[in-house]
Amino acid sequence: MNRSTDAERARFEDFYGAKWADGSVLWEDGYPFDQRVYAISLYRRRNQAIMANLPRRLEAALDLGCGAGDVALLLAGRAKRVVAVDLAFVNATTTRGNVEAADTDVSVAQAGGERLPFADRMFDAVVLADVIEHVDDVTATLAEVRRVLRPGGRVVCVTPLRATLDAWRTLDWAARRIARPRNHQKLRFSSSLVRERFLGKSELGGILQDQGLTVERFQRVGFYPAPEIGGVFGSAMRRIADHQGPEKFVRTSDRIIATFDQLAKLGVLNQKQLWVARR
């Protein structure tokens, strides 16, 4: 990310500045209440999968591309030392506020992935949660991850799976052409404002291996039948929430989430790819 132009950096600052402007702090809180299915099914389940692939005890862990610090706070429950970094100053500031509010000992810094300000072999775990699709140079970033990992250290990388995400978007586009819901609209904070380059399974797996990381696991996580903008399903959730009211909608969405958890076990429909690799 250090090679990003000033204009690209500014877009990150503008995007995340708008995202946290209403007082939402943790990532899943940045979505409207009627999109809680999205926030839980994709992001909370993603975080659970990340933690399931890390040891219960860690010496030092790095949350690379920390966003609002959701993952850093989880890592703090396992690691003696946690460092969170993000390219965007507003994200580093938001994370710092969140860890202070939680009275948690997490160090926070502003840095890009291509040149990390850390010594060699400093961490025994590095997490990249929906980050690698935003970096300018994936190869340089993963080379830096390997450098700062201790021998035997583990990296967990989660990012959208290009082919599956494209398929869901195509189906959603077709559904919108048929349904034409009147209240269809984009969710707040469309990610089109920031750089995204989604990777295929073989592409990302190859880059991990090329950087001298030994791949231990690949799995699909995160079932949700729509892109981030909400699409037809997001519009349906909005309409249901408006009709039912908050209390009843929670029960309805909880049932949907339980169904999605079962569908997620099938794997093939899940949008995200999770990789575990060792140095």
C-alpha atoms as a PDB file:
ATOM      1  CA  MET A   1       0.000   0.000   0.000  1.00  0.00           C
ATOM      2  CA  ASN A   2       2.968   2.348   0.459  1.00  0.00           C
ATOM      3  CA  ARG A   3       3.149   2.755  -3.319  1.00  0.00           C
ATOM      4  CA  SER A   4      -0.350   4.160  -3.469  1.00  0.00           C
ATOM      5  CA  THR A   5      -0.629   7.675  -4.862  1.00  0.00           C
ATOM      6  CA  ASP A   6      -1.753  10.517  -2.660  1.00  0.00           C
ATOM      7  CA  ALA A   7      -5.100  10.449  -4.493  1.00  0.00           C
ATOM      8  CA  GLU A   8      -5.582   6.742  -3.700  1.00  0.00           C
ATOM      9  CA  ARG A   9      -4.714   7.332  -0.061  1.00  0.00           C
ATOM     10  CA  ALA A  10      -7.190  10.205   0.021  1.00  0.00           C
ATOM     11  CA  ARG A  11      -9.955   7.925  -1.299  1.00  0.00           C
ATOM     12  CA  PHE A  12      -9.305   5.496   1.539  1.00  0.00           C
ATOM     13  CA  GLU A  13      -9.487   8.337   4.040  1.00  0.00           C
ATOM     14  CA  ASP A  14     -12.705   9.691   2.510  1.00  0.00           C
ATOM     15  CA  PHE A  15     -14.338   6.258   2.331  1.00  0.00           C
ATOM     16  CA  TYR A  16     -13.618   5.262   5.920  1.00  0.00           C
ATOM     17  CA  GLY A  17     -14.150   8.759   7.218  1.00  0.00           C
ATOM     18  CA  ALA A  18     -17.711   8.592   5.867  1.00  0.00           C
ATOM     19  CA  LYS A  19     -18.180   5.067   7.188  1.00  0.00           C
ATOM     20  CA  TRP A  20     -17.423   6.039  10.787  1.00  0.00           C
ATOM     21  CA  ALA A  21     -18.989   9.498  10.629  1.00  0.00           C
ATOM     22  CA  ASP A  22     -22.281   8.418  12.218  1.00  0.00           C
ATOM     23  CA  GLY A  23     -20.607   7.072  15.320  1.00  0.00           C
ATOM     24  CA  SER A  24     -20.494   3.376  14.313  1.00  0.00           C
ATOM     25  CA  VAL A  25     -17.221   1.927  15.490  1.00  0.00           C
ATOM     26  CA  LEU A  26     -16.921  -1.814  14.957  1.00  0.00           C
ATOM     27  CA  TRP A  27     -17.150  -2.990  11.365  1.00  0.00           C
ATOM     28  CA  GLU A  28     -20.432  -4.867  11.581  1.00  0.00           C
ATOM     29  CA  ASP A  29     -21.977  -1.825  13.278  1.00  0.00           C
ATOM     30  CA  GLY A  30     -21.357   0.120  10.082  1.00  0.00           C
ATOM     31  CA  TYR A  31     -24.308  -1.558   8.364  1.00  0.00           C
ATOM     32  CA  PRO A  32     -27.961  -0.599   8.815  1.00  0.00           C
ATOM     33  CA  PHE A  33     -30.022  -2.674  11.216  1.00  0.00           C
ATOM     34  CA  ASP A  34     -32.001  -4.182   8.332  1.00  0.00           C
ATOM     35  CA  GLN A  35     -28.728  -5.667   7.037  1.00  0.00           C
ATOM     36  CA  ARG A  36     -27.847  -7.536  10.238  1.00  0.00           C
ATOM     37  CA  VAL A  37     -28.071 -10.810   8.291  1.00  0.00           C
ATOM     38  CA  TYR A  38     -25.201  -9.564   6.153  1.00  0.00           C
ATOM     39  CA  ALA A  39     -23.188  -8.307   9.094  1.00  0.00           C
ATOM     40  CA  ILE A  40     -23.535 -11.543  11.043  1.00  0.00           C
ATOM     41  CA  SER A  41     -23.490 -14.124   8.253  1.00  0.00           C
ATOM     42  CA  LEU A  42     -20.473 -12.629   6.499  1.00  0.00           C
ATOM     43  CA  TYR A  43     -18.423 -10.646   8.991  1.00  0.00           C
ATOM     44  CA  ARG A  44     -19.085 -12.228  12.362  1.00  0.00           C
ATOM     45  CA  ARG A  45     -18.848 -15.725  10.879  1.00  0.00           C
ATOM     46  CA  ARG A  46     -15.683 -14.679   9.036  1.00  0.00           C
ATOM     47  CA  ASN A  47     -14.103 -13.595  12.310  1.00  0.00           C
ATOM     48  CA  GLN A  48     -15.103 -16.847  13.969  1.00  0.00           C
ATOM     49  CA  ALA A  49     -13.438 -18.795  11.151  1.00  0.00           C
ATOM     50  CA  ILE A  50     -10.269 -16.728  11.509  1.00  0.00           C
ATOM     51  CA  MET A  51     -10.026 -17.401  15.226  1.00  0.00           C
ATOM     52  CA  ALA A  52     -10.762 -21.094  14.724  1.00  0.00           C
ATOM     53  CA  ASN A  53      -7.607 -21.291  12.600  1.00  0.00           C
ATOM     54  CA  LEU A  54      -5.299 -19.693  15.156  1.00  0.00           C
ATOM     55  CA  PRO A  55      -3.708 -21.200  18.267  1.00  0.00           C
ATOM     56  CA  ARG A  56      -5.385 -20.483  21.584  1.00  0.00           C
ATOM     57  CA  ARG A  57      -2.177 -18.910  22.905  1.00  0.00           C
ATOM     58  CA  LEU A  58      -0.018 -16.492  20.932  1.00  0.00           C
ATOM     59  CA  GLU A  59       3.010 -14.440  21.862  1.00  0.00           C
ATOM     60  CA  ALA A  60       2.642 -11.634  19.312  1.00  0.00           C
ATOM     61  CA  ALA A  61      -0.017 -11.114  16.637  1.00  0.00           C
ATOM     62  CA  LEU A  62      -0.447  -8.570  13.854  1.00  0.00           C
ATOM     63  CA  ASP A  63      -3.810  -7.397  12.494  1.00  0.00           C
ATOM     64  CA  LEU A  64      -2.774  -6.088   9.082  1.00  0.00           C
ATOM     65  CA  GLY A  65      -5.380  -3.746   7.609  1.00  0.00           C
ATOM     66  CA  CYS A  66      -7.201  -3.475  10.920  1.00  0.00           C
ATOM     67  CA  GLY A  67     -10.172  -1.352   9.822  1.00  0.00           C
ATOM     68  CA  ALA A  68     -11.992  -0.550  13.059  1.00  0.00           C
ATOM     69  CA  GLY A  69     -10.066  -3.109  15.123  1.00  0.00           C
ATOM     70  CA  ASP A  70     -12.634  -5.932  15.291  1.00  0.00           C
ATOM     71  CA  VAL A  71     -10.025  -8.644  14.706  1.00  0.00           C
ATOM     72  CA  ALA A  72      -7.419  -6.928  16.876  1.00  0.00           C
ATOM     73  CA  LEU A  73      -9.826  -7.036  19.821  1.00  0.00           C
ATOM     74  CA  LEU A  74     -10.357 -10.760  19.276  1.00  0.00           C
ATOM     75  CA  LEU A  75      -6.617 -11.364  19.010  1.00  0.00           C
ATOM     76  CA  ALA A  76      -6.107  -9.520  22.283  1.00  0.00           C
ATOM     77  CA  GLY A  77      -7.907 -12.369  24.019  1.00  0.00           C
ATOM     78  CA  ARG A  78      -5.241 -14.817  22.854  1.00  0.00           C
ATOM     79  CA  ALA A  79      -1.961 -12.960  22.355  1.00  0.00           C
ATOM     80  CA  LYS A  80       0.365 -11.399  24.904  1.00  0.00           C
ATOM     81  CA  ARG A  81       1.038  -8.626  22.404  1.00  0.00           C
ATOM     82  CA  VAL A  82      -1.188  -7.373  19.579  1.00  0.00           C
ATOM     83  CA  VAL A  83      -0.308  -4.783  16.957  1.00  0.00           C
ATOM     84  CA  ALA A  84      -2.909  -3.318  14.591  1.00  0.00           C
ATOM     85  CA  VAL A  85      -1.951  -1.375  11.469  1.00  0.00           C
ATOM     86  CA  ASP A  86      -3.907   0.257   8.664  1.00  0.00           C
ATOM     87  CA  LEU A  87      -3.081   2.445   5.684  1.00  0.00           C
ATOM     88  CA  ALA A  88      -5.883   4.892   6.534  1.00  0.00           C
ATOM     89  CA  PHE A  89      -5.218   7.308   9.380  1.00  0.00           C
ATOM     90  CA  VAL A  90      -8.943   7.399  10.185  1.00  0.00           C
ATOM     91  CA  ASN A  91      -8.955   3.603  10.642  1.00  0.00           C
ATOM     92  CA  ALA A  92      -5.904   3.671  12.894  1.00  0.00           C
ATOM     93  CA  THR A  93      -7.585   6.404  14.945  1.00  0.00           C
ATOM     94  CA  THR A  94     -10.880   4.484  15.096  1.00  0.00           C
ATOM     95  CA  THR A  95      -9.107   1.294  16.160  1.00  0.00           C
ATOM     96  CA  ARG A  96      -7.203   3.164  18.840  1.00  0.00           C
ATOM     97  CA  GLY A  97     -10.466   4.538  20.211  1.00  0.00           C
ATOM     98  CA  ASN A  98     -12.065   1.094  20.201  1.00  0.00           C
ATOM     99  CA  VAL A  99      -9.223  -0.640  22.030  1.00  0.00           C
ATOM    100  CA  GLU A 100      -9.069   2.165  24.588  1.00  0.00           C
ATOM    101  CA  ALA A 101     -12.829   1.889  25.130  1.00  0.00           C
ATOM    102  CA  ALA A 102     -12.426  -1.848  25.636  1.00  0.00           C
ATOM    103  CA  ASP A 103      -9.505  -1.236  28.026  1.00  0.00           C
ATOM    104  CA  THR A 104      -7.438  -3.579  25.882  1.00  0.00           C
ATOM    105  CA  ASP A 105      -3.693  -3.441  25.384  1.00  0.00           C
ATOM    106  CA  VAL A 106      -3.263  -3.185  21.596  1.00  0.00           C
ATOM    107  CA  SER A 107      -0.604  -1.112  19.843  1.00  0.00           C
ATOM    108  CA  VAL A 108      -1.906   0.796  16.812  1.00  0.00           C
ATOM    109  CA  ALA A 109       0.054   2.284  13.917  1.00  0.00           C
ATOM    110  CA  GLN A 110      -0.542   3.678  10.443  1.00  0.00           C
ATOM    111  CA  ALA A 111       1.315   1.702   7.791  1.00  0.00           C
ATOM    112  CA  GLY A 112       0.870   0.055   4.419  1.00  0.00           C
ATOM    113  CA  GLY A 113       1.372  -3.628   3.756  1.00  0.00           C
ATOM    114  CA  GLU A 114       4.260  -3.390   1.299  1.00  0.00           C
ATOM    115  CA  ARG A 115       6.676  -1.981   3.863  1.00  0.00           C
ATOM    116  CA  LEU A 116       5.843  -2.887   7.427  1.00  0.00           C
ATOM    117  CA  PRO A 117       7.665  -0.944  10.172  1.00  0.00           C
ATOM    118  CA  PHE A 118       8.540  -4.069  12.161  1.00  0.00           C
ATOM    119  CA  ALA A 119      11.625  -6.164  12.749  1.00  0.00           C
ATOM    120  CA  ASP A 120      12.140  -9.532  11.100  1.00  0.00           C
ATOM    121  CA  ARG A 121      10.510 -12.534  12.800  1.00  0.00           C
ATOM    122  CA  MET A 122       8.495 -10.389  15.196  1.00  0.00           C
ATOM    123  CA  PHE A 123       5.081 -12.109  15.088  1.00  0.00           C
ATOM    124  CA  ASP A 124       3.857 -15.657  15.399  1.00  0.00           C
ATOM    125  CA  ALA A 125       0.541 -14.810  13.701  1.00  0.00           C
ATOM    126  CA  VAL A 126      -0.549 -12.310  11.043  1.00  0.00           C
ATOM    127  CA  VAL A 127      -4.186 -11.829  10.015  1.00  0.00           C
ATOM    128  CA  LEU A 128      -5.369 -10.167   6.797  1.00  0.00           C
ATOM    129  CA  ALA A 129      -9.167  -9.968   6.995  1.00  0.00           C
ATOM    130  CA  ASP A 130     -10.645  -8.657   3.713  1.00  0.00           C
ATOM    131  CA  VAL A 131      -7.485  -6.667   3.078  1.00  0.00           C
ATOM    132  CA  ILE A 132      -5.476  -8.289   0.296  1.00  0.00           C
ATOM    133  CA  GLU A 133      -7.969  -7.170  -2.373  1.00  0.00           C
ATOM    134  CA  HIS A 134      -7.205  -3.541  -1.501  1.00  0.00           C
ATOM    135  CA  VAL A 135      -3.395  -3.581  -1.499  1.00  0.00           C
ATOM    136  CA  ASP A 136      -1.441  -2.160  -4.410  1.00  0.00           C
ATOM    137  CA  ASP A 137       1.119  -4.985  -4.546  1.00  0.00           C
ATOM    138  CA  VAL A 138      -0.077  -8.358  -3.261  1.00  0.00           C
ATOM    139  CA  THR A 139       3.291 -10.041  -3.818  1.00  0.00           C
ATOM    140  CA  ALA A 140       5.234  -7.386  -1.889  1.00  0.00           C
ATOM    141  CA  THR A 141       2.690  -7.449   0.934  1.00  0.00           C
ATOM    142  CA  LEU A 142       2.881 -11.215   1.395  1.00  0.00           C
ATOM    143  CA  ALA A 143       6.676 -11.047   1.189  1.00  0.00           C
ATOM    144  CA  GLU A 144       6.552  -8.582   4.092  1.00  0.00           C
ATOM    145  CA  VAL A 145       4.177 -10.887   5.971  1.00  0.00           C
ATOM    146  CA  ARG A 146       6.682 -13.705   5.622  1.00  0.00           C
ATOM    147  CA  ARG A 147       9.518 -11.443   6.766  1.00  0.00           C
ATOM    148  CA  VAL A 148       7.812 -10.399   9.996  1.00  0.00           C
ATOM    149  CA  LEU A 149       6.627 -13.940  10.811  1.00  0.00           C
ATOM    150  CA  ARG A 150       8.686 -16.126  13.088  1.00  0.00           C
ATOM    151  CA  PRO A 151       9.676 -19.573  11.777  1.00  0.00           C
ATOM    152  CA  GLY A 152       6.570 -21.701  12.122  1.00  0.00           C
ATOM    153  CA  GLY A 153       4.426 -18.569  12.403  1.00  0.00           C
ATOM    154  CA  ARG A 154       0.989 -18.613  10.827  1.00  0.00           C
ATOM    155  CA  VAL A 155      -0.779 -16.250   8.446  1.00  0.00           C
ATOM    156  CA  VAL A 156      -4.556 -16.303   8.010  1.00  0.00           C
ATOM    157  CA  CYS A 157      -5.782 -14.473   4.918  1.00  0.00           C
ATOM    158  CA  VAL A 158      -9.471 -14.001   4.049  1.00  0.00           C
ATOM    159  CA  THR A 159     -10.670 -12.303   0.892  1.00  0.00           C
ATOM    160  CA  PRO A 160     -13.612 -12.586  -1.514  1.00  0.00           C
ATOM    161  CA  LEU A 161     -13.371 -15.473  -3.964  1.00  0.00           C
ATOM    162  CA  ARG A 162     -13.552 -13.820  -7.372  1.00  0.00           C
ATOM    163  CA  ALA A 163     -15.488 -16.441  -9.339  1.00  0.00           C
ATOM    164  CA  THR A 164     -18.092 -17.050  -6.637  1.00  0.00           C
ATOM    165  CA  LEU A 165     -18.595 -13.352  -5.959  1.00  0.00           C
ATOM    166  CA  ASP A 166     -18.979 -12.687  -9.698  1.00  0.00           C
ATOM    167  CA  ALA A 167     -21.549 -15.481  -9.950  1.00  0.00           C
ATOM    168  CA  TRP A 168     -23.599 -14.075  -7.065  1.00  0.00           C
ATOM    169  CA  ARG A 169     -23.463 -10.607  -8.604  1.00  0.00           C
ATOM    170  CA  THR A 170     -24.611 -11.942 -11.956  1.00  0.00           C
ATOM    171  CA  LEU A 171     -27.537 -13.761 -10.349  1.00  0.00           C
ATOM    172  CA  ASP A 172     -28.417 -10.660  -8.375  1.00  0.00           C
ATOM    173  CA  TRP A 173     -28.324  -8.529 -11.533  1.00  0.00           C
ATOM    174  CA  ALA A 174     -30.686 -10.976 -13.252  1.00  0.00           C
ATOM    175  CA  ALA A 175     -33.008 -11.005 -10.243  1.00  0.00           C
ATOM    176  CA  ARG A 176     -33.118  -7.220 -10.168  1.00  0.00           C
ATOM    177  CA  ARG A 177     -34.010  -7.159 -13.862  1.00  0.00           C
ATOM    178  CA  ILE A 178     -36.974  -9.434 -13.097  1.00  0.00           C
ATOM    179  CA  ALA A 179     -38.079  -8.105  -9.723  1.00  0.00           C
ATOM    180  CA  ARG A 180     -37.255  -4.418 -10.153  1.00  0.00           C
ATOM    181  CA  PRO A 181     -37.891  -3.723  -6.443  1.00  0.00           C
ATOM    182  CA  ARG A 182     -38.983  -0.144  -5.952  1.00  0.00           C
ATOM    183  CA  ASN A 183     -36.937   0.357  -2.858  1.00  0.00           C
ATOM    184  CA  HIS A 184     -33.753  -1.189  -4.218  1.00  0.00           C
ATOM    185  CA  GLN A 185     -30.834   1.008  -3.281  1.00  0.00           C
ATOM    186  CA  LYS A 186     -27.186   0.716  -2.483  1.00  0.00           C
ATOM    187  CA  LEU A 187     -26.176   0.323   1.114  1.00  0.00           C
ATOM    188  CA  ARG A 188     -24.262   3.181   2.628  1.00  0.00           C
ATOM    189  CA  PHE A 189     -20.533   3.257   2.042  1.00  0.00           C
ATOM    190  CA  SER A 190     -20.313   1.432  -1.293  1.00  0.00           C
ATOM    191  CA  SER A 191     -16.811  -0.022  -1.523  1.00  0.00           C
ATOM    192  CA  SER A 192     -16.515   1.144  -5.143  1.00  0.00           C
ATOM    193  CA  LEU A 193     -14.874   4.274  -3.719  1.00  0.00           C
ATOM    194  CA  VAL A 194     -11.721   2.317  -2.857  1.00  0.00           C
ATOM    195  CA  ARG A 195      -9.486   0.075  -4.928  1.00  0.00           C
ATOM    196  CA  GLU A 196     -10.527  -3.570  -5.142  1.00  0.00           C
ATOM    197  CA  ARG A 197      -8.923  -6.392  -7.105  1.00  0.00           C
ATOM    198  CA  PHE A 198     -10.414  -9.753  -6.284  1.00  0.00           C
ATOM    199  CA  LEU A 199      -8.276 -12.864  -6.642  1.00  0.00           C
ATOM    200  CA  GLY A 200      -9.030 -16.383  -7.760  1.00  0.00           C
ATOM    201  CA  LYS A 201      -8.181 -19.435  -5.681  1.00  0.00           C
ATOM    202  CA  SER A 202      -5.223 -20.579  -7.786  1.00  0.00           C
ATOM    203  CA  GLU A 203      -3.876 -17.031  -8.056  1.00  0.00           C
ATOM    204  CA  LEU A 204      -3.786 -16.319  -4.340  1.00  0.00           C
ATOM    205  CA  GLY A 205      -2.620 -19.819  -3.455  1.00  0.00           C
ATOM    206  CA  GLY A 206       0.214 -19.478  -5.958  1.00  0.00           C
ATOM    207  CA  ILE A 207       1.336 -16.124  -4.567  1.00  0.00           C
ATOM    208  CA  LEU A 208       1.405 -17.497  -1.019  1.00  0.00           C
ATOM    209  CA  GLN A 209       3.596 -20.388  -2.120  1.00  0.00           C
ATOM    210  CA  ASP A 210       5.836 -18.192  -4.274  1.00  0.00           C
ATOM    211  CA  GLN A 211       6.623 -16.098  -1.207  1.00  0.00           C
ATOM    212  CA  GLY A 212       7.920 -19.135   0.650  1.00  0.00           C
ATOM    213  CA  LEU A 213       4.805 -19.741   2.724  1.00  0.00           C
ATOM    214  CA  THR A 214       3.621 -23.307   3.190  1.00  0.00           C
ATOM    215  CA  VAL A 215      -0.111 -23.578   2.603  1.00  0.00           C
ATOM    216  CA  GLU A 216      -1.833 -25.679   5.252  1.00  0.00           C
ATOM    217  CA  ARG A 217      -5.505 -25.047   4.613  1.00  0.00           C
ATOM    218  CA  PHE A 218      -7.974 -23.570   2.178  1.00  0.00           C
ATOM    219  CA  GLN A 219     -11.654 -23.251   2.970  1.00  0.00           C
ATOM    220  CA  ARG A 220     -14.674 -21.293   1.821  1.00  0.00           C
ATOM    221  CA  VAL A 221     -16.464 -19.152   4.398  1.00  0.00           C
ATOM    222  CA  GLY A 222     -19.283 -16.630   4.429  1.00  0.00           C
ATOM    223  CA  PHE A 223     -22.579 -17.522   2.782  1.00  0.00           C
ATOM    224  CA  TYR A 224     -24.713 -14.589   1.657  1.00  0.00           C
ATOM    225  CA  PRO A 225     -26.852 -14.467  -1.514  1.00  0.00           C
ATOM    226  CA  ALA A 226     -25.979 -10.936  -2.612  1.00  0.00           C
ATOM    227  CA  PRO A 227     -23.070  -8.550  -3.105  1.00  0.00           C
ATOM    228  CA  GLU A 228     -22.213  -5.979  -0.467  1.00  0.00           C
ATOM    229  CA  ILE A 229     -24.550  -3.387  -1.959  1.00  0.00           C
ATOM    230  CA  GLY A 230     -27.469  -5.483  -0.715  1.00  0.00           C
ATOM    231  CA  GLY A 231     -29.061  -6.339  -4.041  1.00  0.00           C
ATOM    232  CA  VAL A 232     -32.467  -7.997  -4.221  1.00  0.00           C
ATOM    233  CA  PHE A 233     -31.931  -9.876  -0.965  1.00  0.00           C
ATOM    234  CA  GLY A 234     -30.818  -6.708   0.810  1.00  0.00           C
ATOM    235  CA  SER A 235     -33.899  -4.903  -0.474  1.00  0.00           C
ATOM    236  CA  ALA A 236     -36.094  -7.752   0.774  1.00  0.00           C
ATOM    237  CA  MET A 237     -34.498  -7.535   4.224  1.00  0.00           C
ATOM    238  CA  ARG A 238     -35.110  -3.788   4.273  1.00  0.00           C
ATOM    239  CA  ARG A 239     -38.761  -4.270   3.399  1.00  0.00           C
ATOM    240  CA  ILE A 240     -39.232  -7.027   6.004  1.00  0.00           C
ATOM    241  CA  ALA A 241     -37.598  -4.898   8.703  1.00  0.00           C
ATOM    242  CA  ASP A 242     -39.846  -1.938   7.871  1.00  0.00           C
ATOM    243  CA  HIS A 243     -42.936  -4.158   7.995  1.00  0.00           C
ATOM    244  CA  GLN A 244     -42.126  -6.194  11.111  1.00  0.00           C
ATOM    245  CA  GLY A 245     -40.418  -3.687  13.346  1.00  0.00           C
ATOM    246  CA  PRO A 246     -37.154  -4.258  15.262  1.00  0.00           C
ATOM    247  CA  GLU A 247     -38.175  -6.961  17.761  1.00  0.00           C
ATOM    248  CA  LYS A 248     -39.891  -9.266  15.295  1.00  0.00           C
ATOM    249  CA  PHE A 249     -37.260  -8.638  12.621  1.00  0.00           C
ATOM    250  CA  VAL A 250     -34.529  -9.852  14.972  1.00  0.00           C
ATOM    251  CA  ARG A 251     -36.321 -13.188  15.327  1.00  0.00           C
ATOM    252  CA  THR A 252     -36.885 -13.437  11.566  1.00  0.00           C
ATOM    253  CA  SER A 253     -33.292 -12.596  10.703  1.00  0.00           C
ATOM    254  CA  ASP A 254     -31.985 -15.016  13.347  1.00  0.00           C
ATOM    255  CA  ARG A 255     -33.884 -17.823  11.597  1.00  0.00           C
ATOM    256  CA  ILE A 256     -32.405 -16.761   8.263  1.00  0.00           C
ATOM    257  CA  ILE A 257     -28.919 -16.649   9.750  1.00  0.00           C
ATOM    258  CA  ALA A 258     -29.370 -20.184  11.153  1.00  0.00           C
ATOM    259  CA  THR A 259     -30.359 -21.368   7.671  1.00  0.00           C
ATOM    260  CA  PHE A 260     -27.339 -19.636   6.153  1.00  0.00           C
ATOM    261  CA  ASP A 261     -25.081 -21.336   8.693  1.00  0.00           C
ATOM    262  CA  GLN A 262     -26.303 -24.681   7.413  1.00  0.00           C
ATOM    263  CA  LEU A 263     -25.843 -23.645   3.783  1.00  0.00           C
ATOM    264  CA  ALA A 264     -22.343 -22.420   4.588  1.00  0.00           C
ATOM    265  CA  LYS A 265     -21.390 -25.992   5.461  1.00  0.00           C
ATOM    266  CA  LEU A 266     -21.865 -26.896   1.795  1.00  0.00           C
ATOM    267  CA  GLY A 267     -18.945 -24.606   0.990  1.00  0.00           C
ATOM    268  CA  VAL A 268     -19.461 -24.207  -2.743  1.00  0.00           C
ATOM    269  CA  LEU A 269     -21.795 -21.198  -2.366  1.00  0.00           C
ATOM    270  CA  ASN A 270     -19.592 -19.283   0.088  1.00  0.00           C
ATOM    271  CA  GLN A 271     -18.202 -15.974  -1.122  1.00  0.00           C
ATOM    272  CA  LYS A 272     -14.903 -15.797   0.743  1.00  0.00           C
ATOM    273  CA  GLN A 273     -11.701 -17.807   0.602  1.00  0.00           C
ATOM    274  CA  LEU A 274      -9.723 -18.414   3.783  1.00  0.00           C
ATOM    275  CA  TRP A 275      -6.088 -19.474   3.584  1.00  0.00           C
ATOM    276  CA  VAL A 276      -3.850 -20.663   6.391  1.00  0.00           C
ATOM    277  CA  ALA A 277      -0.120 -20.790   5.680  1.00  0.00           C
ATOM    278  CA  ARG A 278       3.072 -21.117   7.703  1.00  0.00           C
ATOM    279  CA  ARG A 279       6.514 -19.574   7.375  1.00  0.00           C
END
